[in-house]
Amino acid sequence: YIPKSTVEVSKKDAEKVLKLINLIDDHDDVQNVYSNVEISEDILQEVG
């Protein structure tokens, strides 16, 4: 899945989004998780 439009998020929102994506992905019934969130490399390294 390649989104046509993306949404850049702040560090605070990136933490929330990544937590939500991980929770959804850990669910047994979920096979794939897609997102149009764009998180900068700097924020990804900080959030880790």
Protein backbone atom coordinates (compact mmCIF):
# COMPACT_ATOMS: atom_id res chain seq x y z
CA TYR A 1 0.00 0.00 0.00
CA ILE A 2 1.41 3.36 -1.05
CA PRO A 3 -0.69 6.31 0.12
CA LYS A 4 -1.46 9.12 -2.30
CA SER A 5 -1.49 11.64 0.52
CA THR A 6 0.46 11.47 3.77
CA VAL A 7 0.18 13.21 7.11
CA GLU A 8 3.29 14.37 8.92
CA VAL A 9 2.96 14.11 12.69
CA SER A 10 4.72 15.65 15.68
CA LYS A 11 6.83 13.65 18.12
CA LYS A 12 3.95 13.50 20.61
CA ASP A 13 1.50 12.25 17.98
CA ALA A 14 4.08 9.87 16.50
CA GLU A 15 4.41 8.13 19.86
CA LYS A 16 0.64 7.68 20.04
CA VAL A 17 0.34 6.49 16.44
CA LEU A 18 3.16 3.98 16.77
CA LYS A 19 1.67 2.65 20.01
CA LEU A 20 -1.73 2.24 18.35
CA ILE A 21 -0.23 0.54 15.28
CA ASN A 22 1.67 -1.89 17.52
CA LEU A 23 -1.46 -2.69 19.53
CA ILE A 24 -3.48 -3.31 16.37
CA ASP A 25 -0.70 -5.40 14.82
CA ASP A 26 -0.42 -7.57 17.94
CA HIS A 27 -4.09 -8.57 17.69
CA ASP A 28 -4.49 -12.19 16.51
CA ASP A 29 -7.08 -11.38 13.84
CA VAL A 30 -5.00 -8.66 12.16
CA GLN A 31 -2.92 -9.68 9.17
CA ASN A 32 -1.71 -6.28 7.87
CA VAL A 33 -1.66 -2.71 9.14
CA TYR A 34 -1.45 0.22 6.72
CA SER A 35 -1.02 3.89 7.44
CA ASN A 36 -0.55 7.20 5.68
CA VAL A 37 1.46 8.66 8.57
CA GLU A 38 4.80 10.22 7.71
CA ILE A 39 7.26 10.27 10.61
CA SER A 40 10.65 11.92 10.18
CA GLU A 41 13.83 9.91 10.77
CA ASP A 42 14.76 12.18 13.70
CA ILE A 43 11.49 11.48 15.48
CA LEU A 44 11.73 7.74 14.77
CA GLN A 45 15.18 7.64 16.37
CA GLU A 46 13.97 9.58 19.42
CA VAL A 47 10.86 7.45 19.86
CA GLY A 48 12.78 4.27 19.07
